Amino acid sequence: MPSRDPGAEARYLTEVLGGRLVFAIERFDTRVAMVELGDGAPHLLLAHHLEGERPILIYRVADIDAAIARLEERGWEAEPKFEIPPGVCCAFRTEGGHRIGIYERTRDWIESRLSGRLDF
């Protein structure tokens, strides 16, 4: 989710709503905090480097290239692929302006490595 201040929003979500701060990382002028509001998914990722007001809903797929091919057959127009901590991702905007992405998890170890990291 786009966030002007991931630290302040994470504090509110944990202190007021009772969420659990999984990590708050800062690297390359990027601040991202992950908060769990309940048991299991979905987790909230608060990211200050994202533009816009709408969140990006990201769904995991088994094979990103195969998923992209299936979606393109239906008229989907992919944006360039990019990396997120768990693996490669591809996002797009719907005609209504929603932001949706798919990713293939290629780094299973990343969540355990980042869990508990609190840079801010």
N, C-alpha and C. Protein backbone atom coordinates (compact mmCIF):
# COMPACT_ATOMS: atom_id res chain seq x y z
N MET A 1 0.84 -1.17 0.00
CA MET A 1 0.00 0.00 0.00
C MET A 1 0.89 1.24 0.00
N PRO A 2 0.56 2.23 -0.79
CA PRO A 2 1.31 3.47 -0.72
C PRO A 2 1.18 4.08 0.68
N SER A 3 2.27 4.65 1.17
CA SER A 3 2.26 5.24 2.50
C SER A 3 3.19 6.45 2.54
N ARG A 4 2.71 7.55 3.06
CA ARG A 4 3.57 8.74 3.21
C ARG A 4 4.56 8.55 4.35
N ASP A 5 4.17 7.76 5.38
CA ASP A 5 5.01 7.53 6.54
C ASP A 5 4.78 6.12 7.07
N PRO A 6 5.50 5.12 6.52
CA PRO A 6 5.29 3.74 6.96
C PRO A 6 5.49 3.53 8.46
N GLY A 7 6.41 4.27 9.07
CA GLY A 7 6.65 4.12 10.51
C GLY A 7 5.45 4.53 11.33
N ALA A 8 4.91 5.70 11.03
CA ALA A 8 3.74 6.18 11.77
C ALA A 8 2.53 5.29 11.53
N GLU A 9 2.32 4.87 10.29
CA GLU A 9 1.18 4.01 10.00
C GLU A 9 1.33 2.65 10.66
N ALA A 10 2.54 2.11 10.67
CA ALA A 10 2.78 0.83 11.33
C ALA A 10 2.53 0.93 12.83
N ARG A 11 2.96 2.04 13.43
CA ARG A 11 2.71 2.24 14.87
C ARG A 11 1.21 2.25 15.16
N TYR A 12 0.44 2.95 14.35
CA TYR A 12 -1.01 3.00 14.56
C TYR A 12 -1.61 1.60 14.42
N LEU A 13 -1.21 0.90 13.37
CA LEU A 13 -1.78 -0.43 13.14
C LEU A 13 -1.42 -1.43 14.23
N THR A 14 -0.27 -1.25 14.86
CA THR A 14 0.12 -2.16 15.94
C THR A 14 -0.40 -1.70 17.29
N GLU A 15 -0.22 -0.42 17.61
CA GLU A 15 -0.60 0.07 18.93
C GLU A 15 -2.11 0.23 19.09
N VAL A 16 -2.79 0.68 18.08
CA VAL A 16 -4.22 0.95 18.18
C VAL A 16 -5.05 -0.26 17.75
N LEU A 17 -4.66 -0.88 16.63
CA LEU A 17 -5.45 -2.00 16.11
C LEU A 17 -4.95 -3.37 16.56
N GLY A 18 -3.82 -3.41 17.25
CA GLY A 18 -3.32 -4.68 17.79
C GLY A 18 -2.59 -5.56 16.80
N GLY A 19 -2.16 -4.99 15.68
CA GLY A 19 -1.41 -5.77 14.70
C GLY A 19 -0.01 -6.10 15.21
N ARG A 20 0.69 -6.94 14.45
CA ARG A 20 2.06 -7.32 14.79
C ARG A 20 2.99 -6.81 13.70
N LEU A 21 4.01 -6.03 14.12
CA LEU A 21 5.00 -5.52 13.19
C LEU A 21 5.97 -6.65 12.86
N VAL A 22 5.96 -7.08 11.61
CA VAL A 22 6.83 -8.17 11.17
C VAL A 22 8.22 -7.64 10.85
N PHE A 23 8.27 -6.55 10.08
CA PHE A 23 9.55 -5.88 9.81
C PHE A 23 9.31 -4.45 9.40
N ALA A 24 10.35 -3.65 9.52
CA ALA A 24 10.36 -2.26 9.06
C ALA A 24 11.75 -2.03 8.50
N ILE A 25 11.88 -2.11 7.18
CA ILE A 25 13.20 -2.04 6.56
C ILE A 25 13.39 -0.73 5.81
N GLU A 26 14.63 -0.30 5.80
CA GLU A 26 15.00 0.91 5.06
C GLU A 26 16.27 0.60 4.29
N ARG A 27 16.20 0.77 2.97
CA ARG A 27 17.36 0.50 2.14
C ARG A 27 17.18 1.24 0.82
N PHE A 28 18.24 1.84 0.32
CA PHE A 28 18.21 2.56 -0.95
C PHE A 28 17.09 3.60 -0.98
N ASP A 29 16.97 4.37 0.08
CA ASP A 29 15.95 5.41 0.20
C ASP A 29 14.52 4.87 0.09
N THR A 30 14.34 3.62 0.47
CA THR A 30 13.03 2.99 0.45
C THR A 30 12.70 2.49 1.84
N ARG A 31 11.52 2.83 2.34
CA ARG A 31 11.05 2.37 3.64
C ARG A 31 9.81 1.52 3.43
N VAL A 32 9.85 0.30 3.96
CA VAL A 32 8.73 -0.63 3.84
C VAL A 32 8.52 -1.30 5.19
N ALA A 33 7.28 -1.33 5.64
CA ALA A 33 6.93 -2.02 6.89
C ALA A 33 5.86 -3.06 6.58
N MET A 34 5.99 -4.25 7.20
CA MET A 34 4.97 -5.28 7.06
C MET A 34 4.27 -5.44 8.39
N VAL A 35 2.93 -5.41 8.34
CA VAL A 35 2.12 -5.56 9.54
C VAL A 35 1.11 -6.69 9.31
N GLU A 36 0.98 -7.56 10.30
CA GLU A 36 -0.05 -8.60 10.28
C GLU A 36 -1.19 -8.11 11.17
N LEU A 37 -2.39 -8.06 10.64
CA LEU A 37 -3.54 -7.65 11.43
C LEU A 37 -4.33 -8.83 11.96
N GLY A 38 -4.02 -10.01 11.52
CA GLY A 38 -4.70 -11.22 11.98
C GLY A 38 -3.80 -12.41 11.73
N ASP A 39 -4.31 -13.59 12.03
CA ASP A 39 -3.54 -14.80 11.79
C ASP A 39 -3.45 -15.07 10.29
N GLY A 40 -2.25 -15.15 9.78
CA GLY A 40 -2.06 -15.46 8.37
C GLY A 40 -2.26 -14.27 7.45
N ALA A 41 -2.39 -14.59 6.17
CA ALA A 41 -2.52 -13.57 5.14
C ALA A 41 -3.91 -12.95 5.15
N PRO A 42 -4.09 -11.78 4.59
CA PRO A 42 -3.07 -10.98 3.91
C PRO A 42 -2.28 -10.13 4.90
N HIS A 43 -1.06 -9.86 4.54
CA HIS A 43 -0.21 -8.96 5.31
C HIS A 43 -0.27 -7.60 4.63
N LEU A 44 -0.12 -6.55 5.40
CA LEU A 44 -0.07 -5.20 4.83
C LEU A 44 1.38 -4.78 4.68
N LEU A 45 1.74 -4.37 3.48
CA LEU A 45 3.06 -3.81 3.22
C LEU A 45 2.86 -2.32 2.98
N LEU A 46 3.41 -1.53 3.86
CA LEU A 46 3.32 -0.07 3.76
C LEU A 46 4.61 0.42 3.12
N ALA A 47 4.52 1.03 1.95
CA ALA A 47 5.71 1.42 1.21
C ALA A 47 5.65 2.88 0.80
N HIS A 48 6.68 3.63 1.19
CA HIS A 48 6.65 5.06 0.89
C HIS A 48 7.04 5.37 -0.55
N HIS A 49 7.65 4.43 -1.25
CA HIS A 49 8.09 4.71 -2.62
C HIS A 49 7.01 4.48 -3.67
N LEU A 50 5.86 3.95 -3.27
CA LEU A 50 4.77 3.73 -4.23
C LEU A 50 3.99 5.02 -4.44
N GLU A 51 3.63 5.27 -5.67
CA GLU A 51 2.84 6.45 -5.99
C GLU A 51 1.37 6.09 -6.08
N GLY A 52 0.53 7.07 -5.93
CA GLY A 52 -0.90 6.86 -6.06
C GLY A 52 -1.56 6.65 -4.72
N GLU A 53 -2.86 6.49 -4.76
CA GLU A 53 -3.65 6.32 -3.54
C GLU A 53 -4.14 4.89 -3.36
N ARG A 54 -4.16 4.13 -4.41
CA ARG A 54 -4.69 2.77 -4.33
C ARG A 54 -3.59 1.76 -4.01
N PRO A 55 -3.94 0.72 -3.26
CA PRO A 55 -2.95 -0.33 -3.00
C PRO A 55 -2.72 -1.16 -4.26
N ILE A 56 -1.64 -1.92 -4.26
CA ILE A 56 -1.39 -2.90 -5.30
C ILE A 56 -1.68 -4.26 -4.68
N LEU A 57 -2.66 -4.96 -5.21
CA LEU A 57 -3.00 -6.30 -4.73
C LEU A 57 -2.11 -7.28 -5.49
N ILE A 58 -1.27 -8.01 -4.77
CA ILE A 58 -0.30 -8.91 -5.41
C ILE A 58 -0.63 -10.35 -5.04
N TYR A 59 -0.75 -11.19 -6.07
CA TYR A 59 -1.12 -12.59 -5.90
C TYR A 59 0.02 -13.49 -6.37
N ARG A 60 0.25 -14.55 -5.61
CA ARG A 60 1.31 -15.50 -5.95
C ARG A 60 0.83 -16.50 -6.98
N VAL A 61 1.67 -16.77 -7.97
CA VAL A 61 1.40 -17.77 -8.99
C VAL A 61 2.56 -18.77 -9.00
N ALA A 62 2.29 -19.97 -9.48
CA ALA A 62 3.33 -21.00 -9.50
C ALA A 62 4.40 -20.72 -10.55
N ASP A 63 4.00 -20.18 -11.69
CA ASP A 63 4.92 -19.93 -12.80
C ASP A 63 4.53 -18.59 -13.43
N ILE A 64 5.33 -17.57 -13.20
CA ILE A 64 4.94 -16.22 -13.66
C ILE A 64 4.89 -16.12 -15.18
N ASP A 65 5.82 -16.76 -15.88
CA ASP A 65 5.81 -16.67 -17.35
C ASP A 65 4.56 -17.34 -17.92
N ALA A 66 4.18 -18.48 -17.38
CA ALA A 66 2.97 -19.16 -17.84
C ALA A 66 1.72 -18.33 -17.51
N ALA A 67 1.69 -17.73 -16.33
CA ALA A 67 0.55 -16.90 -15.94
C ALA A 67 0.44 -15.68 -16.83
N ILE A 68 1.56 -15.05 -17.14
CA ILE A 68 1.55 -13.89 -18.03
C ILE A 68 1.04 -14.29 -19.41
N ALA A 69 1.50 -15.43 -19.92
CA ALA A 69 1.06 -15.89 -21.25
C ALA A 69 -0.45 -16.11 -21.26
N ARG A 70 -1.00 -16.75 -20.21
CA ARG A 70 -2.45 -16.99 -20.14
C ARG A 70 -3.21 -15.67 -20.09
N LEU A 71 -2.73 -14.73 -19.30
CA LEU A 71 -3.41 -13.44 -19.18
C LEU A 71 -3.34 -12.63 -20.47
N GLU A 72 -2.19 -12.69 -21.14
CA GLU A 72 -2.05 -11.95 -22.40
C GLU A 72 -2.98 -12.51 -23.48
N GLU A 73 -3.25 -13.82 -23.44
CA GLU A 73 -4.20 -14.42 -24.38
C GLU A 73 -5.60 -13.82 -24.21
N ARG A 74 -5.89 -13.32 -23.01
CA ARG A 74 -7.19 -12.73 -22.72
C ARG A 74 -7.21 -11.22 -22.91
N GLY A 75 -6.12 -10.66 -23.41
CA GLY A 75 -6.09 -9.22 -23.67
C GLY A 75 -5.40 -8.39 -22.62
N TRP A 76 -4.78 -9.03 -21.65
CA TRP A 76 -4.06 -8.33 -20.59
C TRP A 76 -2.80 -7.69 -21.15
N GLU A 77 -2.51 -6.49 -20.71
CA GLU A 77 -1.29 -5.80 -21.13
C GLU A 77 -0.37 -5.65 -19.94
N ALA A 78 0.69 -6.42 -19.94
CA ALA A 78 1.63 -6.44 -18.83
C ALA A 78 2.53 -5.22 -18.83
N GLU A 79 2.88 -4.77 -17.64
CA GLU A 79 3.92 -3.76 -17.48
C GLU A 79 5.24 -4.52 -17.31
N PRO A 80 6.38 -3.86 -17.36
CA PRO A 80 7.65 -4.58 -17.21
C PRO A 80 7.75 -5.31 -15.87
N LYS A 81 8.43 -6.45 -15.88
CA LYS A 81 8.66 -7.22 -14.65
C LYS A 81 9.62 -6.43 -13.75
N PHE A 82 9.50 -6.68 -12.46
CA PHE A 82 10.41 -6.09 -11.49
C PHE A 82 10.57 -7.06 -10.32
N GLU A 83 11.54 -6.81 -9.50
CA GLU A 83 11.83 -7.69 -8.36
C GLU A 83 11.20 -7.16 -7.09
N ILE A 84 10.62 -8.06 -6.31
CA ILE A 84 10.20 -7.78 -4.94
C ILE A 84 10.95 -8.80 -4.08
N PRO A 85 11.04 -8.60 -2.79
CA PRO A 85 11.87 -9.52 -2.00
C PRO A 85 11.60 -11.02 -2.24
N PRO A 86 10.35 -11.50 -2.33
CA PRO A 86 10.15 -12.94 -2.52
C PRO A 86 10.42 -13.45 -3.93
N GLY A 87 10.50 -12.58 -4.96
CA GLY A 87 10.75 -13.05 -6.31
C GLY A 87 10.37 -12.03 -7.36
N VAL A 88 10.19 -12.51 -8.58
CA VAL A 88 9.89 -11.63 -9.71
C VAL A 88 8.39 -11.34 -9.74
N CYS A 89 8.05 -10.10 -10.13
CA CYS A 89 6.68 -9.61 -10.08
C CYS A 89 6.34 -8.89 -11.37
N CYS A 90 5.07 -8.87 -11.69
CA CYS A 90 4.58 -8.12 -12.85
C CYS A 90 3.25 -7.50 -12.44
N ALA A 91 3.09 -6.21 -12.65
CA ALA A 91 1.89 -5.51 -12.22
C ALA A 91 1.21 -4.86 -13.42
N PHE A 92 -0.03 -4.47 -13.22
CA PHE A 92 -0.80 -3.79 -14.26
C PHE A 92 -1.93 -3.02 -13.61
N ARG A 93 -2.57 -2.19 -14.40
CA ARG A 93 -3.74 -1.43 -13.95
C ARG A 93 -4.95 -1.89 -14.75
N THR A 94 -6.05 -2.05 -14.05
CA THR A 94 -7.29 -2.41 -14.74
C THR A 94 -7.87 -1.15 -15.37
N GLU A 95 -8.88 -1.33 -16.20
CA GLU A 95 -9.52 -0.17 -16.82
C GLU A 95 -10.11 0.77 -15.78
N GLY A 96 -10.51 0.22 -14.62
CA GLY A 96 -11.07 1.02 -13.55
C GLY A 96 -10.02 1.66 -12.64
N GLY A 97 -8.74 1.41 -12.93
CA GLY A 97 -7.67 2.03 -12.16
C GLY A 97 -7.12 1.20 -11.01
N HIS A 98 -7.64 -0.02 -10.83
CA HIS A 98 -7.09 -0.88 -9.77
C HIS A 98 -5.70 -1.36 -10.18
N ARG A 99 -4.85 -1.54 -9.19
CA ARG A 99 -3.49 -2.01 -9.44
C ARG A 99 -3.38 -3.44 -8.92
N ILE A 100 -3.03 -4.35 -9.81
CA ILE A 100 -2.95 -5.76 -9.47
C ILE A 100 -1.61 -6.29 -9.97
N GLY A 101 -1.03 -7.20 -9.21
CA GLY A 101 0.23 -7.80 -9.61
C GLY A 101 0.21 -9.29 -9.37
N ILE A 102 1.11 -9.98 -10.05
CA ILE A 102 1.33 -11.40 -9.81
C ILE A 102 2.82 -11.58 -9.57
N TYR A 103 3.18 -12.57 -8.76
CA TYR A 103 4.59 -12.84 -8.54
C TYR A 103 4.82 -14.32 -8.38
N GLU A 104 6.03 -14.73 -8.71
CA GLU A 104 6.46 -16.11 -8.50
C GLU A 104 7.45 -16.11 -7.35
N ARG A 105 7.17 -16.90 -6.35
CA ARG A 105 8.05 -16.97 -5.17
C ARG A 105 9.27 -17.81 -5.51
N THR A 106 10.40 -17.15 -5.61
CA THR A 106 11.66 -17.85 -5.91
C THR A 106 12.64 -17.78 -4.73
N ARG A 107 12.30 -17.01 -3.72
CA ARG A 107 13.17 -16.88 -2.54
C ARG A 107 12.34 -17.16 -1.29
N ASP A 108 12.14 -18.45 -1.00
CA ASP A 108 11.34 -18.86 0.16
C ASP A 108 11.90 -18.36 1.49
N TRP A 109 13.16 -18.13 1.54
CA TRP A 109 13.83 -17.78 2.78
C TRP A 109 13.67 -16.31 3.17
N ILE A 110 13.18 -15.47 2.29
CA ILE A 110 13.22 -14.02 2.53
C ILE A 110 12.37 -13.58 3.72
N GLU A 111 11.18 -14.15 3.90
CA GLU A 111 10.34 -13.71 5.01
C GLU A 111 10.99 -14.01 6.35
N SER A 112 11.59 -15.19 6.50
CA SER A 112 12.24 -15.51 7.77
C SER A 112 13.47 -14.63 7.99
N ARG A 113 14.13 -14.26 6.91
CA ARG A 113 15.31 -13.39 7.03
C ARG A 113 14.93 -11.97 7.45
N LEU A 114 13.81 -11.46 6.94
CA LEU A 114 13.40 -10.09 7.25
C LEU A 114 12.58 -10.00 8.55
N SER A 115 11.94 -11.08 8.94
CA SER A 115 11.10 -11.06 10.14
C SER A 115 11.91 -10.61 11.35
N GLY A 116 11.42 -9.60 12.04
CA GLY A 116 12.09 -9.05 13.22
C GLY A 116 13.06 -7.93 12.91
N ARG A 117 13.32 -7.66 11.66
CA ARG A 117 14.24 -6.57 11.29
C ARG A 117 13.48 -5.25 11.44
N LEU A 118 14.03 -4.35 12.26
CA LEU A 118 13.38 -3.07 12.54
C LEU A 118 14.37 -1.93 12.32
N ASP A 119 14.50 -1.46 11.10
CA ASP A 119 15.41 -0.37 10.77
C ASP A 119 14.89 0.99 11.20
N PHE A 120 13.58 1.13 11.34
CA PHE A 120 12.99 2.42 11.76
C PHE A 120 11.82 2.16 12.66
